[in-house]
């Protein structure tokens, strides 16, 4: 499915509330079955299911899930 770009921006914004180093959204690609989101300061990989939740109902993503994913942020 093609997702509107604002979904990526919203998700990166949610990550940046937890980890200020995340930066702003630049682009995304599919890599190894995951979505790789490139930001102004690095990259973060997420499962496609998470992106689907962000699209359908963002409240389905818990703060703990966001924290766990934000901790996997790779600064460049």
PDB file of N, CA and C in Angstrom:
ATOM      1  N   UNK A   1       0.837  -1.187   0.000  1.00  0.00           N
ATOM      2  CA  UNK A   1       0.000   0.000   0.000  1.00  0.00           C
ATOM      3  C   UNK A   1       0.876   1.243   0.000  1.00  0.00           C
ATOM      4  N   UNK A   2       0.463   2.215  -0.726  1.00  0.00           N
ATOM      5  CA  UNK A   2       1.145   3.514  -0.706  1.00  0.00           C
ATOM      6  C   UNK A   2       0.520   4.377   0.379  1.00  0.00           C
ATOM      7  N   UNK A   3       1.342   4.817   1.301  1.00  0.00           N
ATOM      8  CA  UNK A   3       0.863   5.642   2.406  1.00  0.00           C
ATOM      9  C   UNK A   3       1.118   7.106   2.106  1.00  0.00           C
ATOM     10  N   UNK A   4       0.218   7.980   2.542  1.00  0.00           N
ATOM     11  CA  UNK A   4       0.466   9.412   2.375  1.00  0.00           C
ATOM     12  C   UNK A   4       1.693   9.817   3.196  1.00  0.00           C
ATOM     13  N   UNK A   5       2.442  10.734   2.687  1.00  0.00           N
ATOM     14  CA  UNK A   5       3.706  11.130   3.315  1.00  0.00           C
ATOM     15  C   UNK A   5       3.479  11.701   4.721  1.00  0.00           C
ATOM     16  N   UNK A   6       2.309  12.271   4.985  1.00  0.00           N
ATOM     17  CA  UNK A   6       2.100  12.846   6.314  1.00  0.00           C
ATOM     18  C   UNK A   6       2.142  11.769   7.409  1.00  0.00           C
ATOM     19  N   UNK A   7       1.846  10.513   7.062  1.00  0.00           N
ATOM     20  CA  UNK A   7       1.910   9.420   8.031  1.00  0.00           C
ATOM     21  C   UNK A   7       3.345   9.250   8.535  1.00  0.00           C
ATOM     22  N   UNK A   8       4.304   9.336   7.629  1.00  0.00           N
ATOM     23  CA  UNK A   8       5.719   9.222   8.006  1.00  0.00           C
ATOM     24  C   UNK A   8       6.137  10.407   8.872  1.00  0.00           C
ATOM     25  N   UNK A   9       5.699  11.595   8.480  1.00  0.00           N
ATOM     26  CA  UNK A   9       6.027  12.788   9.262  1.00  0.00           C
ATOM     27  C   UNK A   9       5.467  12.677  10.681  1.00  0.00           C
ATOM     28  N   UNK A  10       4.222  12.221  10.796  1.00  0.00           N
ATOM     29  CA  UNK A  10       3.608  12.078  12.114  1.00  0.00           C
ATOM     30  C   UNK A  10       4.372  11.076  12.974  1.00  0.00           C
ATOM     31  N   UNK A  11       4.739   9.959  12.380  1.00  0.00           N
ATOM     32  CA  UNK A  11       5.444   8.927  13.127  1.00  0.00           C
ATOM     33  C   UNK A  11       6.816   9.418  13.581  1.00  0.00           C
ATOM     34  N   UNK A  12       7.535  10.085  12.723  1.00  0.00           N
ATOM     35  CA  UNK A  12       8.850  10.632  13.092  1.00  0.00           C
ATOM     36  C   UNK A  12       8.685  11.684  14.191  1.00  0.00           C
ATOM     37  N   UNK A  13       7.644  12.468  14.112  1.00  0.00           N
ATOM     38  CA  UNK A  13       7.385  13.465  15.151  1.00  0.00           C
ATOM     39  C   UNK A  13       7.146  12.777  16.496  1.00  0.00           C
ATOM     40  N   UNK A  14       6.395  11.686  16.481  1.00  0.00           N
ATOM     41  CA  UNK A  14       6.156  10.935  17.717  1.00  0.00           C
ATOM     42  C   UNK A  14       7.458  10.359  18.264  1.00  0.00           C
ATOM     43  N   UNK A  15       8.329   9.867  17.383  1.00  0.00           N
ATOM     44  CA  UNK A  15       9.631   9.365  17.828  1.00  0.00           C
ATOM     45  C   UNK A  15      10.478  10.497  18.421  1.00  0.00           C
ATOM     46  N   UNK A  16      10.417  11.651  17.802  1.00  0.00           N
ATOM     47  CA  UNK A  16      11.258  12.762  18.257  1.00  0.00           C
ATOM     48  C   UNK A  16      10.827  13.297  19.620  1.00  0.00           C
ATOM     49  N   UNK A  17       9.584  13.082  20.024  1.00  0.00           N
ATOM     50  CA  UNK A  17       9.165  13.448  21.380  1.00  0.00           C
ATOM     51  C   UNK A  17       9.900  12.598  22.413  1.00  0.00           C
ATOM     52  N   UNK A  18      10.252  11.378  22.023  1.00  0.00           N
ATOM     53  CA  UNK A  18      10.934  10.445  22.916  1.00  0.00           C
ATOM     54  C   UNK A  18      12.445  10.581  22.803  1.00  0.00           C
ATOM     55  N   UNK A  19      12.940  10.721  21.591  1.00  0.00           N
ATOM     56  CA  UNK A  19      14.375  10.826  21.330  1.00  0.00           C
ATOM     57  C   UNK A  19      14.605  12.063  20.458  1.00  0.00           C
ATOM     58  N   UNK A  20      15.052  13.129  21.058  1.00  0.00           N
ATOM     59  CA  UNK A  20      15.217  14.417  20.349  1.00  0.00           C
ATOM     60  C   UNK A  20      16.219  14.334  19.197  1.00  0.00           C
ATOM     61  N   UNK A  21      17.073  13.319  19.181  1.00  0.00           N
ATOM     62  CA  UNK A  21      18.070  13.179  18.123  1.00  0.00           C
ATOM     63  C   UNK A  21      17.468  12.694  16.807  1.00  0.00           C
ATOM     64  N   UNK A  22      16.245  12.222  16.807  1.00  0.00           N
ATOM     65  CA  UNK A  22      15.643  11.632  15.610  1.00  0.00           C
ATOM     66  C   UNK A  22      15.616  12.610  14.435  1.00  0.00           C
ATOM     67  N   UNK A  23      15.328  13.856  14.681  1.00  0.00           N
ATOM     68  CA  UNK A  23      15.303  14.839  13.597  1.00  0.00           C
ATOM     69  C   UNK A  23      13.979  14.842  12.850  1.00  0.00           C
ATOM     70  N   UNK A  24      14.012  15.283  11.602  1.00  0.00           N
ATOM     71  CA  UNK A  24      12.811  15.405  10.773  1.00  0.00           C
ATOM     72  C   UNK A  24      12.855  14.398   9.630  1.00  0.00           C
ATOM     73  N   UNK A  25      11.685  14.035   9.160  1.00  0.00           N
ATOM     74  CA  UNK A  25      11.537  13.055   8.091  1.00  0.00           C
ATOM     75  C   UNK A  25      12.130  13.558   6.776  1.00  0.00           C
ATOM     76  N   UNK A  26      12.863  12.674   6.082  1.00  0.00           N
ATOM     77  CA  UNK A  26      13.381  12.981   4.745  1.00  0.00           C
ATOM     78  C   UNK A  26      12.781  12.028   3.719  1.00  0.00           C
ATOM     79  N   UNK A  27      12.918  10.717   3.946  1.00  0.00           N
ATOM     80  CA  UNK A  27      12.441   9.743   2.956  1.00  0.00           C
ATOM     81  C   UNK A  27      12.259   8.382   3.618  1.00  0.00           C
ATOM     82  N   UNK A  28      11.705   7.443   2.838  1.00  0.00           N
ATOM     83  CA  UNK A  28      11.550   6.080   3.347  1.00  0.00           C
ATOM     84  C   UNK A  28      11.697   5.084   2.208  1.00  0.00           C
ATOM     85  N   UNK A  29      12.169   3.884   2.570  1.00  0.00           N
ATOM     86  CA  UNK A  29      12.311   2.788   1.618  1.00  0.00           C
ATOM     87  C   UNK A  29      11.945   1.484   2.329  1.00  0.00           C
ATOM     88  N   UNK A  30      11.695   0.461   1.545  1.00  0.00           N
ATOM     89  CA  UNK A  30      11.463  -0.856   2.113  1.00  0.00           C
ATOM     90  C   UNK A  30      12.777  -1.615   2.034  1.00  0.00           C
ATOM     91  N   UNK A  31      13.185  -2.176   3.186  1.00  0.00           N
ATOM     92  CA  UNK A  31      14.458  -2.881   3.258  1.00  0.00           C
ATOM     93  C   UNK A  31      14.305  -4.092   4.171  1.00  0.00           C
ATOM     94  N   UNK A  32      14.464  -5.269   3.616  1.00  0.00           N
ATOM     95  CA  UNK A  32      14.366  -6.488   4.409  1.00  0.00           C
ATOM     96  C   UNK A  32      13.003  -6.700   5.037  1.00  0.00           C
ATOM     97  N   UNK A  33      11.949  -6.278   4.370  1.00  0.00           N
ATOM     98  CA  UNK A  33      10.599  -6.440   4.897  1.00  0.00           C
ATOM     99  C   UNK A  33      10.174  -5.364   5.875  1.00  0.00           C
ATOM    100  N   UNK A  34      11.086  -4.475   6.255  1.00  0.00           N
ATOM    101  CA  UNK A  34      10.771  -3.357   7.142  1.00  0.00           C
ATOM    102  C   UNK A  34      10.787  -2.051   6.366  1.00  0.00           C
ATOM    103  N   UNK A  35      10.230  -1.049   6.961  1.00  0.00           N
ATOM    104  CA  UNK A  35      10.283   0.301   6.390  1.00  0.00           C
ATOM    105  C   UNK A  35      11.470   1.003   7.038  1.00  0.00           C
ATOM    106  N   UNK A  36      12.376   1.504   6.237  1.00  0.00           N
ATOM    107  CA  UNK A  36      13.528   2.253   6.725  1.00  0.00           C
ATOM    108  C   UNK A  36      13.234   3.730   6.501  1.00  0.00           C
ATOM    109  N   UNK A  37      13.124   4.458   7.596  1.00  0.00           N
ATOM    110  CA  UNK A  37      12.824   5.891   7.531  1.00  0.00           C
ATOM    111  C   UNK A  37      14.106   6.665   7.735  1.00  0.00           C
ATOM    112  N   UNK A  38      14.443   7.504   6.768  1.00  0.00           N
ATOM    113  CA  UNK A  38      15.629   8.358   6.853  1.00  0.00           C
ATOM    114  C   UNK A  38      15.190   9.721   7.369  1.00  0.00           C
ATOM    115  N   UNK A  39      15.938  10.225   8.333  1.00  0.00           N
ATOM    116  CA  UNK A  39      15.644  11.542   8.894  1.00  0.00           C
ATOM    117  C   UNK A  39      16.844  12.459   8.682  1.00  0.00           C
ATOM    118  N   UNK A  40      16.712  13.675   9.150  1.00  0.00           N
ATOM    119  CA  UNK A  40      17.796  14.648   8.995  1.00  0.00           C
ATOM    120  C   UNK A  40      19.040  14.266   9.794  1.00  0.00           C
ATOM    121  N   UNK A  41      18.889  13.335  10.750  1.00  0.00           N
ATOM    122  CA  UNK A  41      20.057  12.985  11.557  1.00  0.00           C
ATOM    123  C   UNK A  41      20.351  11.492  11.630  1.00  0.00           C
ATOM    124  N   UNK A  42      19.626  10.674  10.879  1.00  0.00           N
ATOM    125  CA  UNK A  42      19.902   9.242  10.909  1.00  0.00           C
ATOM    126  C   UNK A  42      18.800   8.431  10.272  1.00  0.00           C
ATOM    127  N   UNK A  43      18.561   7.233  10.821  1.00  0.00           N
ATOM    128  CA  UNK A  43      17.530   6.359  10.260  1.00  0.00           C
ATOM    129  C   UNK A  43      16.943   5.484  11.350  1.00  0.00           C
ATOM    130  N   UNK A  44      15.752   5.001  11.083  1.00  0.00           N
ATOM    131  CA  UNK A  44      15.052   4.128  12.010  1.00  0.00           C
ATOM    132  C   UNK A  44      14.240   3.126  11.204  1.00  0.00           C
ATOM    133  N   UNK A  45      14.282   1.870  11.618  1.00  0.00           N
ATOM    134  CA  UNK A  45      13.544   0.820  10.921  1.00  0.00           C
ATOM    135  C   UNK A  45      12.285   0.481  11.712  1.00  0.00           C
ATOM    136  N   UNK A  46      11.183   0.328  11.001  1.00  0.00           N
ATOM    137  CA  UNK A  46       9.925  -0.044  11.642  1.00  0.00           C
ATOM    138  C   UNK A  46       9.253  -1.134  10.819  1.00  0.00           C
ATOM    139  N   UNK A  47       8.410  -1.898  11.469  1.00  0.00           N
ATOM    140  CA  UNK A  47       7.626  -2.917  10.772  1.00  0.00           C
ATOM    141  C   UNK A  47       6.483  -2.244  10.017  1.00  0.00           C
ATOM    142  N   UNK A  48       6.097  -2.837   8.917  1.00  0.00           N
ATOM    143  CA  UNK A  48       5.003  -2.276   8.130  1.00  0.00           C
ATOM    144  C   UNK A  48       3.706  -2.238   8.938  1.00  0.00           C
ATOM    145  N   UNK A  49       3.521  -3.198   9.854  1.00  0.00           N
ATOM    146  CA  UNK A  49       2.308  -3.208  10.681  1.00  0.00           C
ATOM    147  C   UNK A  49       2.195  -1.929  11.511  1.00  0.00           C
ATOM    148  N   UNK A  50       3.340  -1.426  11.987  1.00  0.00           N
ATOM    149  CA  UNK A  50       3.323  -0.199  12.775  1.00  0.00           C
ATOM    150  C   UNK A  50       2.876   0.978  11.922  1.00  0.00           C
ATOM    151  N   UNK A  51       3.350   1.023  10.710  1.00  0.00           N
ATOM    152  CA  UNK A  51       2.946   2.096   9.802  1.00  0.00           C
ATOM    153  C   UNK A  51       1.448   2.008   9.515  1.00  0.00           C
ATOM    154  N   UNK A  52       0.962   0.798   9.375  1.00  0.00           N
ATOM    155  CA  UNK A  52      -0.472   0.598   9.153  1.00  0.00           C
ATOM    156  C   UNK A  52      -1.284   1.092  10.355  1.00  0.00           C
ATOM    157  N   UNK A  53      -0.795   0.818  11.565  1.00  0.00           N
ATOM    158  CA  UNK A  53      -1.475   1.312  12.777  1.00  0.00           C
ATOM    159  C   UNK A  53      -1.471   2.832  12.809  1.00  0.00           C
ATOM    160  N   UNK A  54      -0.336   3.434  12.455  1.00  0.00           N
ATOM    161  CA  UNK A  54      -0.250   4.896  12.445  1.00  0.00           C
ATOM    162  C   UNK A  54      -1.249   5.471  11.454  1.00  0.00           C
ATOM    163  N   UNK A  55      -1.465   4.776  10.366  1.00  0.00           N
ATOM    164  CA  UNK A  55      -2.397   5.232   9.331  1.00  0.00           C
ATOM    165  C   UNK A  55      -3.852   5.061   9.786  1.00  0.00           C
ATOM    166  N   UNK A  56      -4.189   3.872  10.312  1.00  0.00           N
ATOM    167  CA  UNK A  56      -5.569   3.574  10.687  1.00  0.00           C
ATOM    168  C   UNK A  56      -5.987   4.225  11.998  1.00  0.00           C
ATOM    169  N   UNK A  57      -5.154   4.026  13.035  1.00  0.00           N
ATOM    170  CA  UNK A  57      -5.517   4.502  14.364  1.00  0.00           C
ATOM    171  C   UNK A  57      -4.245   4.643  15.207  1.00  0.00           C
ATOM    172  N   UNK A  58      -3.639   5.815  15.200  1.00  0.00           N
ATOM    173  CA  UNK A  58      -2.366   6.016  15.904  1.00  0.00           C
ATOM    174  C   UNK A  58      -2.405   5.658  17.389  1.00  0.00           C
ATOM    175  N   UNK A  59      -3.580   5.719  18.001  1.00  0.00           N
ATOM    176  CA  UNK A  59      -3.656   5.405  19.426  1.00  0.00           C
ATOM    177  C   UNK A  59      -3.414   3.921  19.704  1.00  0.00           C
ATOM    178  N   UNK A  60      -3.401   3.086  18.668  1.00  0.00           N
ATOM    179  CA  UNK A  60      -3.082   1.670  18.837  1.00  0.00           C
ATOM    180  C   UNK A  60      -1.593   1.445  19.127  1.00  0.00           C
ATOM    181  N   UNK A  61      -0.781   2.458  18.896  1.00  0.00           N
ATOM    182  CA  UNK A  61       0.664   2.350  19.147  1.00  0.00           C
ATOM    183  C   UNK A  61       0.927   2.897  20.548  1.00  0.00           C
ATOM    184  N   UNK A  62       1.399   2.026  21.419  1.00  0.00           N
ATOM    185  CA  UNK A  62       1.640   2.444  22.805  1.00  0.00           C
ATOM    186  C   UNK A  62       2.922   3.270  22.914  1.00  0.00           C
ATOM    187  N   UNK A  63       3.013   4.013  23.981  1.00  0.00           N
ATOM    188  CA  UNK A  63       4.222   4.793  24.257  1.00  0.00           C
ATOM    189  C   UNK A  63       5.403   3.856  24.427  1.00  0.00           C
ATOM    190  N   UNK A  64       5.173   2.686  25.031  1.00  0.00           N
ATOM    191  CA  UNK A  64       6.254   1.715  25.197  1.00  0.00           C
ATOM    192  C   UNK A  64       6.779   1.228  23.848  1.00  0.00           C
ATOM    193  N   UNK A  65       5.877   0.992  22.896  1.00  0.00           N
ATOM    194  CA  UNK A  65       6.303   0.592  21.552  1.00  0.00           C
ATOM    195  C   UNK A  65       7.130   1.694  20.912  1.00  0.00           C
ATOM    196  N   UNK A  66       6.684   2.930  21.045  1.00  0.00           N
ATOM    197  CA  UNK A  66       7.423   4.058  20.480  1.00  0.00           C
ATOM    198  C   UNK A  66       8.797   4.182  21.124  1.00  0.00           C
ATOM    199  N   UNK A  67       8.869   4.011  22.440  1.00  0.00           N
ATOM    200  CA  UNK A  67      10.152   4.091  23.143  1.00  0.00           C
ATOM    201  C   UNK A  67      11.108   3.013  22.652  1.00  0.00           C
ATOM    202  N   UNK A  68      10.582   1.802  22.519  1.00  0.00           N
ATOM    203  CA  UNK A  68      11.430   0.697  22.069  1.00  0.00           C
ATOM    204  C   UNK A  68      11.982   0.963  20.670  1.00  0.00           C
ATOM    205  N   UNK A  69      11.140   1.441  19.775  1.00  0.00           N
ATOM    206  CA  UNK A  69      11.592   1.729  18.414  1.00  0.00           C
ATOM    207  C   UNK A  69      12.528   2.931  18.374  1.00  0.00           C
ATOM    208  N   UNK A  70      12.214   3.951  19.141  1.00  0.00           N
ATOM    209  CA  UNK A  70      13.064   5.145  19.163  1.00  0.00           C
ATOM    210  C   UNK A  70      14.447   4.825  19.708  1.00  0.00           C
ATOM    211  N   UNK A  71      14.541   3.820  20.577  1.00  0.00           N
ATOM    212  CA  UNK A  71      15.854   3.443  21.107  1.00  0.00           C
ATOM    213  C   UNK A  71      16.710   2.782  20.033  1.00  0.00           C
ATOM    214  N   UNK A  72      16.074   2.287  18.954  1.00  0.00           N
ATOM    215  CA  UNK A  72      16.802   1.685  17.849  1.00  0.00           C
ATOM    216  C   UNK A  72      17.236   2.682  16.788  1.00  0.00           C
ATOM    217  N   UNK A  73      17.005   3.956  17.029  1.00  0.00           N
ATOM    218  CA  UNK A  73      17.409   4.997  16.088  1.00  0.00           C
ATOM    219  C   UNK A  73      18.921   4.967  15.891  1.00  0.00           C
ATOM    220  N   UNK A  74      19.342   5.016  14.642  1.00  0.00           N
ATOM    221  CA  UNK A  74      20.776   5.015  14.315  1.00  0.00           C
ATOM    222  C   UNK A  74      21.181   6.382  13.795  1.00  0.00           C
ATOM    223  N   UNK A  75      21.931   7.106  14.582  1.00  0.00           N
ATOM    224  CA  UNK A  75      22.413   8.424  14.172  1.00  0.00           C
ATOM    225  C   UNK A  75      23.477   8.257  13.092  1.00  0.00           C
ATOM    226  N   UNK A  76      23.509   9.195  12.178  1.00  0.00           N
ATOM    227  CA  UNK A  76      24.529   9.172  11.103  1.00  0.00           C
ATOM    228  C   UNK A  76      25.367  10.423  11.150  1.00  0.00           C
TER     229      UNK A  76
END
